[in-house]
Amino acid sequence: MESFLPLIIGMGLVTYIPRLLPMLLLTNKELNPKAKQFLQFIPYTSLTILIIRGILTASTEMMIPTIVGIAVAGIIAYFKSNLVLSVFAGIAATYILINLGGF
């Protein structure tokens, strides 16, 4: 168990340093407007990639709950423009269909 501690600490540092450096180096600098616009799209593109991956890797018995969950998330995202709310609503819809719908 003790031999894993340096490994865990090292992995934590390797993960944390790339996140910390941009924050420290760019805190007082104004970003280019195009860079700002690009960075605003990252959460939506990341979510899209995860959704498409989920659709393509869903098993056949999970296809209907998956599609319903995506539809619910898409509708809420369109009307509310709240990324967190839409994700939670999609997860809830899928969970309800799986547990109550017999899928």
N, C-alpha and C. Protein backbone atom coordinates (compact mmCIF):
# COMPACT_ATOMS: atom_id res chain seq x y z
N MET A 1 0.82 -1.19 0.00
CA MET A 1 0.00 0.00 0.00
C MET A 1 0.86 1.25 0.00
N GLU A 2 1.96 1.23 0.74
CA GLU A 2 2.82 2.40 0.82
C GLU A 2 3.50 2.69 -0.52
N SER A 3 3.74 1.67 -1.31
CA SER A 3 4.41 1.88 -2.58
C SER A 3 3.53 2.61 -3.59
N PHE A 4 2.22 2.61 -3.36
CA PHE A 4 1.32 3.30 -4.27
C PHE A 4 1.20 4.79 -3.98
N LEU A 5 1.53 5.20 -2.79
CA LEU A 5 1.37 6.60 -2.40
C LEU A 5 2.20 7.55 -3.27
N PRO A 6 3.48 7.30 -3.51
CA PRO A 6 4.23 8.20 -4.41
C PRO A 6 3.64 8.22 -5.82
N LEU A 7 3.16 7.08 -6.28
CA LEU A 7 2.55 7.01 -7.60
C LEU A 7 1.28 7.86 -7.66
N ILE A 8 0.45 7.78 -6.65
CA ILE A 8 -0.79 8.56 -6.60
C ILE A 8 -0.48 10.05 -6.52
N ILE A 9 0.50 10.42 -5.71
CA ILE A 9 0.88 11.83 -5.59
C ILE A 9 1.44 12.33 -6.92
N GLY A 10 2.27 11.53 -7.56
CA GLY A 10 2.83 11.92 -8.86
C GLY A 10 1.76 12.08 -9.92
N MET A 11 0.82 11.17 -9.94
CA MET A 11 -0.27 11.27 -10.92
C MET A 11 -1.13 12.50 -10.65
N GLY A 12 -1.33 12.81 -9.37
CA GLY A 12 -2.09 14.01 -9.03
C GLY A 12 -1.38 15.27 -9.50
N LEU A 13 -0.07 15.33 -9.31
CA LEU A 13 0.69 16.51 -9.77
C LEU A 13 0.68 16.63 -11.28
N VAL A 14 0.86 15.51 -11.96
CA VAL A 14 0.87 15.53 -13.42
C VAL A 14 -0.49 15.98 -13.96
N THR A 15 -1.55 15.65 -13.27
CA THR A 15 -2.88 16.07 -13.68
C THR A 15 -3.16 17.52 -13.32
N TYR A 16 -2.70 17.94 -12.16
CA TYR A 16 -3.04 19.28 -11.66
C TYR A 16 -2.21 20.38 -12.30
N ILE A 17 -0.94 20.15 -12.57
CA ILE A 17 -0.06 21.20 -13.10
C ILE A 17 -0.54 21.75 -14.44
N PRO A 18 -0.95 20.92 -15.41
CA PRO A 18 -1.45 21.51 -16.66
C PRO A 18 -2.72 22.35 -16.49
N ARG A 19 -3.46 22.12 -15.44
CA ARG A 19 -4.64 22.93 -15.17
C ARG A 19 -4.28 24.23 -14.44
N LEU A 20 -3.24 24.16 -13.64
CA LEU A 20 -2.84 25.30 -12.84
C LEU A 20 -2.05 26.33 -13.66
N LEU A 21 -1.18 25.87 -14.54
CA LEU A 21 -0.31 26.79 -15.28
C LEU A 21 -1.07 27.82 -16.12
N PRO A 22 -2.06 27.44 -16.93
CA PRO A 22 -2.78 28.48 -17.68
C PRO A 22 -3.47 29.49 -16.77
N MET A 23 -3.99 29.02 -15.65
CA MET A 23 -4.65 29.94 -14.73
C MET A 23 -3.65 30.95 -14.16
N LEU A 24 -2.47 30.49 -13.80
CA LEU A 24 -1.46 31.39 -13.25
C LEU A 24 -0.89 32.33 -14.30
N LEU A 25 -0.68 31.82 -15.50
CA LEU A 25 -0.03 32.62 -16.54
C LEU A 25 -0.98 33.57 -17.26
N LEU A 26 -2.26 33.24 -17.31
CA LEU A 26 -3.21 34.04 -18.09
C LEU A 26 -4.20 34.83 -17.23
N THR A 27 -4.00 34.88 -15.94
CA THR A 27 -4.95 35.55 -15.06
C THR A 27 -5.08 37.03 -15.36
N ASN A 28 -4.00 37.72 -15.55
CA ASN A 28 -4.04 39.17 -15.75
C ASN A 28 -3.98 39.59 -17.22
N LYS A 29 -4.05 38.64 -18.13
CA LYS A 29 -3.95 38.96 -19.55
C LYS A 29 -5.34 38.89 -20.19
N GLU A 30 -5.57 39.76 -21.13
CA GLU A 30 -6.82 39.78 -21.88
C GLU A 30 -6.67 38.85 -23.08
N LEU A 31 -7.60 37.95 -23.23
CA LEU A 31 -7.54 37.00 -24.35
C LEU A 31 -8.05 37.64 -25.63
N ASN A 32 -7.58 37.12 -26.72
CA ASN A 32 -8.05 37.50 -28.04
C ASN A 32 -9.55 37.18 -28.12
N PRO A 33 -10.36 38.06 -28.73
CA PRO A 33 -11.81 37.78 -28.83
C PRO A 33 -12.12 36.45 -29.52
N LYS A 34 -11.32 36.07 -30.51
CA LYS A 34 -11.56 34.79 -31.18
C LYS A 34 -11.26 33.62 -30.23
N ALA A 35 -10.23 33.78 -29.40
CA ALA A 35 -9.91 32.73 -28.43
C ALA A 35 -11.02 32.61 -27.40
N LYS A 36 -11.56 33.74 -26.95
CA LYS A 36 -12.68 33.71 -26.00
C LYS A 36 -13.89 33.00 -26.61
N GLN A 37 -14.18 33.32 -27.85
CA GLN A 37 -15.32 32.70 -28.52
C GLN A 37 -15.09 31.20 -28.67
N PHE A 38 -13.86 30.81 -29.01
CA PHE A 38 -13.53 29.40 -29.13
C PHE A 38 -13.72 28.68 -27.80
N LEU A 39 -13.25 29.27 -26.71
CA LEU A 39 -13.34 28.63 -25.40
C LEU A 39 -14.78 28.53 -24.90
N GLN A 40 -15.66 29.39 -25.38
CA GLN A 40 -17.06 29.32 -24.97
C GLN A 40 -17.76 28.09 -25.56
N PHE A 41 -17.24 27.56 -26.66
CA PHE A 41 -17.87 26.41 -27.30
C PHE A 41 -17.41 25.07 -26.74
N ILE A 42 -16.36 25.06 -25.94
CA ILE A 42 -15.80 23.80 -25.46
C ILE A 42 -16.79 22.97 -24.66
N PRO A 43 -17.55 23.53 -23.70
CA PRO A 43 -18.50 22.67 -22.96
C PRO A 43 -19.55 22.02 -23.87
N TYR A 44 -20.03 22.75 -24.85
CA TYR A 44 -21.06 22.20 -25.73
C TYR A 44 -20.50 21.13 -26.66
N THR A 45 -19.28 21.35 -27.16
CA THR A 45 -18.69 20.33 -28.03
C THR A 45 -18.33 19.08 -27.23
N SER A 46 -17.87 19.26 -26.02
CA SER A 46 -17.56 18.09 -25.18
C SER A 46 -18.82 17.28 -24.89
N LEU A 47 -19.89 17.96 -24.57
CA LEU A 47 -21.15 17.28 -24.32
C LEU A 47 -21.65 16.57 -25.57
N THR A 48 -21.51 17.20 -26.72
CA THR A 48 -21.94 16.59 -27.97
C THR A 48 -21.16 15.32 -28.25
N ILE A 49 -19.86 15.35 -28.02
CA ILE A 49 -19.03 14.16 -28.24
C ILE A 49 -19.48 13.03 -27.32
N LEU A 50 -19.74 13.35 -26.06
CA LEU A 50 -20.18 12.32 -25.12
C LEU A 50 -21.54 11.75 -25.50
N ILE A 51 -22.42 12.60 -25.98
CA ILE A 51 -23.75 12.14 -26.39
C ILE A 51 -23.66 11.23 -27.61
N ILE A 52 -22.90 11.63 -28.60
CA ILE A 52 -22.77 10.81 -29.81
C ILE A 52 -22.12 9.48 -29.48
N ARG A 53 -21.12 9.50 -28.61
CA ARG A 53 -20.49 8.25 -28.18
C ARG A 53 -21.49 7.37 -27.47
N GLY A 54 -22.32 7.96 -26.63
CA GLY A 54 -23.34 7.19 -25.92
C GLY A 54 -24.35 6.56 -26.86
N ILE A 55 -24.71 7.29 -27.91
CA ILE A 55 -25.66 6.74 -28.88
C ILE A 55 -25.05 5.58 -29.65
N LEU A 56 -23.82 5.77 -30.08
CA LEU A 56 -23.18 4.76 -30.91
C LEU A 56 -22.81 3.50 -30.14
N THR A 57 -22.60 3.63 -28.84
CA THR A 57 -22.20 2.46 -28.05
C THR A 57 -23.34 1.87 -27.23
N ALA A 58 -24.53 2.40 -27.35
CA ALA A 58 -25.67 1.88 -26.57
C ALA A 58 -26.06 0.50 -27.10
N SER A 59 -26.36 -0.39 -26.18
CA SER A 59 -26.81 -1.72 -26.60
C SER A 59 -28.24 -1.61 -27.13
N THR A 60 -28.66 -2.63 -27.83
CA THR A 60 -29.97 -2.57 -28.47
C THR A 60 -31.11 -2.45 -27.47
N GLU A 61 -30.98 -3.08 -26.31
CA GLU A 61 -32.06 -2.97 -25.31
C GLU A 61 -32.07 -1.62 -24.61
N MET A 62 -31.00 -0.87 -24.72
CA MET A 62 -30.93 0.46 -24.10
C MET A 62 -31.18 1.58 -25.11
N MET A 63 -31.48 1.25 -26.34
CA MET A 63 -31.61 2.26 -27.38
C MET A 63 -32.77 3.22 -27.13
N ILE A 64 -33.93 2.72 -26.74
CA ILE A 64 -35.09 3.59 -26.51
C ILE A 64 -34.86 4.52 -25.32
N PRO A 65 -34.41 4.02 -24.16
CA PRO A 65 -34.13 4.97 -23.07
C PRO A 65 -33.04 5.99 -23.44
N THR A 66 -32.06 5.56 -24.21
CA THR A 66 -31.00 6.48 -24.62
C THR A 66 -31.56 7.59 -25.50
N ILE A 67 -32.37 7.24 -26.47
CA ILE A 67 -32.94 8.24 -27.39
C ILE A 67 -33.89 9.17 -26.64
N VAL A 68 -34.69 8.62 -25.74
CA VAL A 68 -35.61 9.47 -24.96
C VAL A 68 -34.82 10.43 -24.07
N GLY A 69 -33.78 9.94 -23.41
CA GLY A 69 -32.96 10.80 -22.57
C GLY A 69 -32.30 11.92 -23.36
N ILE A 70 -31.82 11.60 -24.55
CA ILE A 70 -31.21 12.62 -25.41
C ILE A 70 -32.25 13.63 -25.86
N ALA A 71 -33.43 13.16 -26.19
CA ALA A 71 -34.49 14.07 -26.63
C ALA A 71 -34.89 15.02 -25.49
N VAL A 72 -35.04 14.48 -24.30
CA VAL A 72 -35.40 15.32 -23.15
C VAL A 72 -34.31 16.36 -22.89
N ALA A 73 -33.06 15.92 -22.91
CA ALA A 73 -31.95 16.86 -22.68
C ALA A 73 -31.90 17.92 -23.78
N GLY A 74 -32.13 17.51 -25.01
CA GLY A 74 -32.10 18.48 -26.12
C GLY A 74 -33.21 19.51 -26.02
N ILE A 75 -34.41 19.06 -25.66
CA ILE A 75 -35.54 19.98 -25.55
C ILE A 75 -35.31 20.98 -24.41
N ILE A 76 -34.84 20.49 -23.27
CA ILE A 76 -34.60 21.39 -22.15
C ILE A 76 -33.44 22.34 -22.45
N ALA A 77 -32.42 21.85 -23.12
CA ALA A 77 -31.30 22.73 -23.49
C ALA A 77 -31.75 23.81 -24.46
N TYR A 78 -32.66 23.46 -25.35
CA TYR A 78 -33.14 24.44 -26.33
C TYR A 78 -33.97 25.54 -25.67
N PHE A 79 -34.84 25.16 -24.76
CA PHE A 79 -35.74 26.14 -24.15
C PHE A 79 -35.15 26.86 -22.94
N LYS A 80 -34.31 26.19 -22.19
CA LYS A 80 -33.79 26.78 -20.95
C LYS A 80 -32.36 27.29 -21.08
N SER A 81 -31.61 26.82 -22.03
CA SER A 81 -30.20 27.20 -22.21
C SER A 81 -29.38 26.98 -20.95
N ASN A 82 -29.68 25.91 -20.24
CA ASN A 82 -28.95 25.57 -19.02
C ASN A 82 -28.37 24.17 -19.21
N LEU A 83 -27.06 24.11 -19.36
CA LEU A 83 -26.39 22.86 -19.68
C LEU A 83 -26.54 21.83 -18.56
N VAL A 84 -26.37 22.26 -17.32
CA VAL A 84 -26.45 21.34 -16.19
C VAL A 84 -27.86 20.78 -16.03
N LEU A 85 -28.85 21.65 -16.14
CA LEU A 85 -30.24 21.21 -16.03
C LEU A 85 -30.59 20.20 -17.12
N SER A 86 -30.16 20.46 -18.34
CA SER A 86 -30.48 19.55 -19.43
C SER A 86 -29.81 18.19 -19.25
N VAL A 87 -28.58 18.18 -18.76
CA VAL A 87 -27.90 16.90 -18.53
C VAL A 87 -28.61 16.11 -17.44
N PHE A 88 -28.94 16.76 -16.33
CA PHE A 88 -29.63 16.07 -15.24
C PHE A 88 -31.01 15.59 -15.67
N ALA A 89 -31.70 16.36 -16.47
CA ALA A 89 -33.03 15.94 -16.94
C ALA A 89 -32.92 14.73 -17.86
N GLY A 90 -31.92 14.73 -18.73
CA GLY A 90 -31.71 13.58 -19.61
C GLY A 90 -31.36 12.32 -18.83
N ILE A 91 -30.51 12.48 -17.83
CA ILE A 91 -30.15 11.34 -16.99
C ILE A 91 -31.37 10.84 -16.23
N ALA A 92 -32.16 11.75 -15.69
CA ALA A 92 -33.36 11.36 -14.95
C ALA A 92 -34.36 10.63 -15.85
N ALA A 93 -34.56 11.13 -17.06
CA ALA A 93 -35.49 10.49 -17.98
C ALA A 93 -35.02 9.08 -18.33
N THR A 94 -33.75 8.92 -18.58
CA THR A 94 -33.21 7.60 -18.90
C THR A 94 -33.33 6.67 -17.70
N TYR A 95 -33.03 7.17 -16.52
CA TYR A 95 -33.12 6.37 -15.30
C TYR A 95 -34.56 5.90 -15.05
N ILE A 96 -35.50 6.81 -15.23
CA ILE A 96 -36.91 6.46 -15.02
C ILE A 96 -37.36 5.40 -16.02
N LEU A 97 -36.97 5.55 -17.28
CA LEU A 97 -37.37 4.57 -18.28
C LEU A 97 -36.75 3.19 -18.00
N ILE A 98 -35.51 3.19 -17.57
CA ILE A 98 -34.85 1.90 -17.31
C ILE A 98 -35.49 1.22 -16.11
N ASN A 99 -35.75 1.97 -15.04
CA ASN A 99 -36.26 1.35 -13.81
C ASN A 99 -37.76 1.13 -13.82
N LEU A 100 -38.51 1.99 -14.45
CA LEU A 100 -39.97 1.83 -14.43
C LEU A 100 -40.53 1.29 -15.74
N GLY A 101 -39.77 1.45 -16.80
CA GLY A 101 -40.26 1.02 -18.11
C GLY A 101 -39.95 -0.42 -18.44
N GLY A 102 -39.17 -1.08 -17.63
CA GLY A 102 -38.86 -2.48 -17.88
C GLY A 102 -37.83 -2.70 -18.97
N PHE A 103 -37.00 -1.71 -19.26
CA PHE A 103 -35.98 -1.88 -20.29
C PHE A 103 -34.75 -2.53 -19.71
